[in-house]
Amino acid sequence: MTVQGGNIVSQIKRLSDRIFGRMLSEQKIDAFNGAQGRLLYVLWQEESISLKELADKTGLAPTTMTNMVDRMEAADLVRRVSDRTDRRKTLLSLTEKAQLLKPAYEDVSDQMTEIFYEGFSEAEIEQCEALLRRIYENLRQHE
């Protein structure tokens, strides 16, 4: 038996990124790309978090994320704000422009979920996600 899980996951990621990008474009969302959308998604859930927290929640390397945040700040999607309780700490906050993009992003995200699980039963979805979480945790233990 040939095990190809890692290759399949990589192919799924590349293909889903292309489809997601196309769907964003079709919705006339050109203010950010799919990778930046991951950062916005986390900030839409929990605004005003540190770069380190954002890196932890997205799984992106801090150096990669810093460059993305710089571009997003230039595009008026996020702003850096000093933490009121710890002046050494910088927090990220969403701009009004980014807040206004949330409903359209959620629509595209919902469409992607429908594409992912087309033809799956609820039990299959739960099983698939449980297995993916196990793989993720296995990888985290070796990071």
C-alpha atoms as a PDB file:
ATOM      1  CA  MET A   1       0.000   0.000   0.000  1.00  0.00           C
ATOM      2  CA  THR A   2       1.337   3.410  -0.980  1.00  0.00           C
ATOM      3  CA  VAL A   3       0.571   6.129   1.563  1.00  0.00           C
ATOM      4  CA  GLN A   4      -0.036   9.493  -0.083  1.00  0.00           C
ATOM      5  CA  GLY A   5      -1.828  11.481   2.612  1.00  0.00           C
ATOM      6  CA  GLY A   6       0.691  14.330   2.729  1.00  0.00           C
ATOM      7  CA  ASN A   7       0.665  14.690  -1.044  1.00  0.00           C
ATOM      8  CA  ILE A   8      -3.136  14.635  -1.156  1.00  0.00           C
ATOM      9  CA  VAL A   9      -3.369  17.291   1.587  1.00  0.00           C
ATOM     10  CA  SER A  10      -0.896  19.490  -0.338  1.00  0.00           C
ATOM     11  CA  GLN A  11      -2.904  19.089  -3.537  1.00  0.00           C
ATOM     12  CA  ILE A  12      -6.139  19.908  -1.710  1.00  0.00           C
ATOM     13  CA  LYS A  13      -4.538  23.065  -0.273  1.00  0.00           C
ATOM     14  CA  ARG A  14      -3.274  24.280  -3.659  1.00  0.00           C
ATOM     15  CA  LEU A  15      -6.542  23.532  -5.432  1.00  0.00           C
ATOM     16  CA  SER A  16      -8.739  25.033  -2.720  1.00  0.00           C
ATOM     17  CA  ASP A  17      -6.562  28.175  -2.639  1.00  0.00           C
ATOM     18  CA  ARG A  18      -7.067  28.619  -6.404  1.00  0.00           C
ATOM     19  CA  ILE A  19     -10.826  28.066  -6.175  1.00  0.00           C
ATOM     20  CA  PHE A  20     -11.109  30.353  -3.143  1.00  0.00           C
ATOM     21  CA  GLY A  21      -9.125  33.074  -4.930  1.00  0.00           C
ATOM     22  CA  ARG A  22     -11.358  32.777  -7.992  1.00  0.00           C
ATOM     23  CA  MET A  23     -14.475  32.991  -5.839  1.00  0.00           C
ATOM     24  CA  LEU A  24     -13.157  36.093  -4.052  1.00  0.00           C
ATOM     25  CA  SER A  25     -12.472  37.660  -7.442  1.00  0.00           C
ATOM     26  CA  GLU A  26     -15.978  36.784  -8.664  1.00  0.00           C
ATOM     27  CA  GLN A  27     -17.380  38.559  -5.586  1.00  0.00           C
ATOM     28  CA  LYS A  28     -15.216  41.599  -6.472  1.00  0.00           C
ATOM     29  CA  ILE A  29     -13.183  41.114  -3.305  1.00  0.00           C
ATOM     30  CA  ASP A  30      -9.737  42.228  -4.348  1.00  0.00           C
ATOM     31  CA  ALA A  31      -8.642  43.971  -1.153  1.00  0.00           C
ATOM     32  CA  PHE A  32      -6.908  40.816   0.087  1.00  0.00           C
ATOM     33  CA  ASN A  33      -5.801  37.383  -1.082  1.00  0.00           C
ATOM     34  CA  GLY A  34      -6.722  34.003   0.372  1.00  0.00           C
ATOM     35  CA  ALA A  35      -3.720  33.863   2.715  1.00  0.00           C
ATOM     36  CA  GLN A  36      -4.513  37.315   4.079  1.00  0.00           C
ATOM     37  CA  GLY A  37      -8.098  36.153   4.479  1.00  0.00           C
ATOM     38  CA  ARG A  38      -6.892  33.658   7.097  1.00  0.00           C
ATOM     39  CA  LEU A  39      -5.514  36.540   9.146  1.00  0.00           C
ATOM     40  CA  LEU A  40      -8.696  38.549   8.723  1.00  0.00           C
ATOM     41  CA  TYR A  41     -10.804  35.540   9.704  1.00  0.00           C
ATOM     42  CA  VAL A  42      -8.967  35.253  13.020  1.00  0.00           C
ATOM     43  CA  LEU A  43      -9.250  39.007  13.606  1.00  0.00           C
ATOM     44  CA  TRP A  44     -12.973  38.951  12.812  1.00  0.00           C
ATOM     45  CA  GLN A  45     -13.328  36.393  15.618  1.00  0.00           C
ATOM     46  CA  GLU A  46     -11.030  38.120  18.104  1.00  0.00           C
ATOM     47  CA  GLU A  47      -9.933  41.639  17.311  1.00  0.00           C
ATOM     48  CA  SER A  48      -6.961  43.325  18.960  1.00  0.00           C
ATOM     49  CA  ILE A  49      -4.538  40.448  19.373  1.00  0.00           C
ATOM     50  CA  SER A  50      -0.762  40.390  19.230  1.00  0.00           C
ATOM     51  CA  LEU A  51       1.226  39.280  16.204  1.00  0.00           C
ATOM     52  CA  LYS A  52       2.410  36.244  18.158  1.00  0.00           C
ATOM     53  CA  GLU A  53      -1.164  35.230  19.000  1.00  0.00           C
ATOM     54  CA  LEU A  54      -2.150  35.708  15.371  1.00  0.00           C
ATOM     55  CA  ALA A  55       0.808  33.581  14.229  1.00  0.00           C
ATOM     56  CA  ASP A  56      -0.195  30.847  16.686  1.00  0.00           C
ATOM     57  CA  LYS A  57      -3.827  30.872  15.555  1.00  0.00           C
ATOM     58  CA  THR A  58      -3.031  30.831  11.821  1.00  0.00           C
ATOM     59  CA  GLY A  59      -0.026  28.527  11.906  1.00  0.00           C
ATOM     60  CA  LEU A  60       2.027  31.033   9.911  1.00  0.00           C
ATOM     61  CA  ALA A  61       5.648  31.737  10.662  1.00  0.00           C
ATOM     62  CA  PRO A  62       6.103  35.119  12.387  1.00  0.00           C
ATOM     63  CA  THR A  63       8.355  36.420   9.589  1.00  0.00           C
ATOM     64  CA  THR A  64       5.825  35.479   6.908  1.00  0.00           C
ATOM     65  CA  MET A  65       3.031  36.994   8.920  1.00  0.00           C
ATOM     66  CA  THR A  66       4.894  40.242   9.555  1.00  0.00           C
ATOM     67  CA  ASN A  67       5.286  40.800   5.800  1.00  0.00           C
ATOM     68  CA  MET A  68       1.613  39.999   5.215  1.00  0.00           C
ATOM     69  CA  VAL A  69       0.539  42.382   7.980  1.00  0.00           C
ATOM     70  CA  ASP A  70       2.725  45.123   6.469  1.00  0.00           C
ATOM     71  CA  ARG A  71       0.931  44.705   3.122  1.00  0.00           C
ATOM     72  CA  MET A  72      -2.470  44.550   4.826  1.00  0.00           C
ATOM     73  CA  GLU A  73      -1.707  47.702   6.767  1.00  0.00           C
ATOM     74  CA  ALA A  74      -0.732  49.458   3.522  1.00  0.00           C
ATOM     75  CA  ALA A  75      -4.064  48.292   2.032  1.00  0.00           C
ATOM     76  CA  ASP A  76      -5.933  49.805   5.016  1.00  0.00           C
ATOM     77  CA  LEU A  77      -7.182  46.448   6.320  1.00  0.00           C
ATOM     78  CA  VAL A  78      -5.400  46.365   9.683  1.00  0.00           C
ATOM     79  CA  ARG A  79      -3.644  48.791  11.978  1.00  0.00           C
ATOM     80  CA  ARG A  80      -1.118  48.322  14.717  1.00  0.00           C
ATOM     81  CA  VAL A  81      -2.200  49.648  18.092  1.00  0.00           C
ATOM     82  CA  SER A  82      -0.234  49.874  21.331  1.00  0.00           C
ATOM     83  CA  ASP A  83      -1.568  47.719  24.134  1.00  0.00           C
ATOM     84  CA  ARG A  84      -2.990  49.982  26.847  1.00  0.00           C
ATOM     85  CA  THR A  85      -1.771  47.710  29.627  1.00  0.00           C
ATOM     86  CA  ASP A  86       1.667  46.860  28.193  1.00  0.00           C
ATOM     87  CA  ARG A  87       3.228  49.541  26.016  1.00  0.00           C
ATOM     88  CA  ARG A  88       5.879  47.082  24.785  1.00  0.00           C
ATOM     89  CA  LYS A  89       3.169  44.988  23.149  1.00  0.00           C
ATOM     90  CA  THR A  90       1.623  45.829  19.771  1.00  0.00           C
ATOM     91  CA  LEU A  91      -1.851  44.619  18.919  1.00  0.00           C
ATOM     92  CA  LEU A  92      -3.524  44.274  15.544  1.00  0.00           C
ATOM     93  CA  SER A  93      -6.901  45.826  14.992  1.00  0.00           C
ATOM     94  CA  LEU A  94      -9.209  45.768  11.980  1.00  0.00           C
ATOM     95  CA  THR A  95     -10.086  48.876  10.011  1.00  0.00           C
ATOM     96  CA  GLU A  96     -13.632  49.743   9.007  1.00  0.00           C
ATOM     97  CA  LYS A  97     -12.761  48.658   5.453  1.00  0.00           C
ATOM     98  CA  ALA A  98     -11.906  45.167   6.713  1.00  0.00           C
ATOM     99  CA  GLN A  99     -15.041  44.987   8.868  1.00  0.00           C
ATOM    100  CA  LEU A 100     -17.182  45.747   5.801  1.00  0.00           C
ATOM    101  CA  LEU A 101     -15.623  42.826   3.878  1.00  0.00           C
ATOM    102  CA  LYS A 102     -16.621  40.222   6.471  1.00  0.00           C
ATOM    103  CA  PRO A 103     -20.107  39.292   5.119  1.00  0.00           C
ATOM    104  CA  ALA A 104     -18.840  38.700   1.571  1.00  0.00           C
ATOM    105  CA  TYR A 105     -15.886  36.667   2.878  1.00  0.00           C
ATOM    106  CA  GLU A 106     -18.233  34.549   4.981  1.00  0.00           C
ATOM    107  CA  ASP A 107     -20.410  33.866   1.915  1.00  0.00           C
ATOM    108  CA  VAL A 108     -17.381  32.661  -0.062  1.00  0.00           C
ATOM    109  CA  SER A 109     -16.195  30.602   2.906  1.00  0.00           C
ATOM    110  CA  ASP A 110     -19.626  28.965   3.209  1.00  0.00           C
ATOM    111  CA  GLN A 111     -19.545  28.122  -0.510  1.00  0.00           C
ATOM    112  CA  MET A 112     -16.115  26.540  -0.078  1.00  0.00           C
ATOM    113  CA  THR A 113     -17.422  24.409   2.792  1.00  0.00           C
ATOM    114  CA  GLU A 114     -20.263  23.206   0.564  1.00  0.00           C
ATOM    115  CA  ILE A 115     -17.749  22.298  -2.152  1.00  0.00           C
ATOM    116  CA  PHE A 116     -15.478  20.484   0.327  1.00  0.00           C
ATOM    117  CA  TYR A 117     -18.226  18.279   1.690  1.00  0.00           C
ATOM    118  CA  GLU A 118     -20.420  17.790  -1.362  1.00  0.00           C
ATOM    119  CA  GLY A 119     -21.881  14.287  -1.176  1.00  0.00           C
ATOM    120  CA  PHE A 120     -20.673  13.695   2.408  1.00  0.00           C
ATOM    121  CA  SER A 121     -23.029  12.625   5.178  1.00  0.00           C
ATOM    122  CA  GLU A 122     -22.869  14.402   8.545  1.00  0.00           C
ATOM    123  CA  ALA A 123     -21.145  11.363  10.013  1.00  0.00           C
ATOM    124  CA  GLU A 124     -18.540  11.394   7.238  1.00  0.00           C
ATOM    125  CA  ILE A 125     -17.884  15.098   7.784  1.00  0.00           C
ATOM    126  CA  GLU A 126     -17.375  14.533  11.509  1.00  0.00           C
ATOM    127  CA  GLN A 127     -15.095  11.558  10.860  1.00  0.00           C
ATOM    128  CA  CYS A 128     -13.059  13.434   8.242  1.00  0.00           C
ATOM    129  CA  GLU A 129     -12.540  16.429  10.504  1.00  0.00           C
ATOM    130  CA  ALA A 130     -11.642  14.211  13.473  1.00  0.00           C
ATOM    131  CA  LEU A 131      -8.999  12.448  11.381  1.00  0.00           C
ATOM    132  CA  LEU A 132      -7.604  15.751  10.090  1.00  0.00           C
ATOM    133  CA  ARG A 133      -7.379  17.070  13.670  1.00  0.00           C
ATOM    134  CA  ARG A 134      -5.430  13.928  14.636  1.00  0.00           C
ATOM    135  CA  ILE A 135      -2.996  14.452  11.763  1.00  0.00           C
ATOM    136  CA  TYR A 136      -2.622  18.105  12.753  1.00  0.00           C
ATOM    137  CA  GLU A 137      -1.864  17.186  16.370  1.00  0.00           C
ATOM    138  CA  ASN A 138       0.641  14.538  15.256  1.00  0.00           C
ATOM    139  CA  LEU A 139       2.442  17.181  13.216  1.00  0.00           C
ATOM    140  CA  ARG A 140       2.353  19.744  16.037  1.00  0.00           C
ATOM    141  CA  GLN A 141       4.084  17.259  18.338  1.00  0.00           C
ATOM    142  CA  HIS A 142       6.998  17.124  15.885  1.00  0.00           C
ATOM    143  CA  GLU A 143       7.273  20.839  15.176  1.00  0.00           C
END
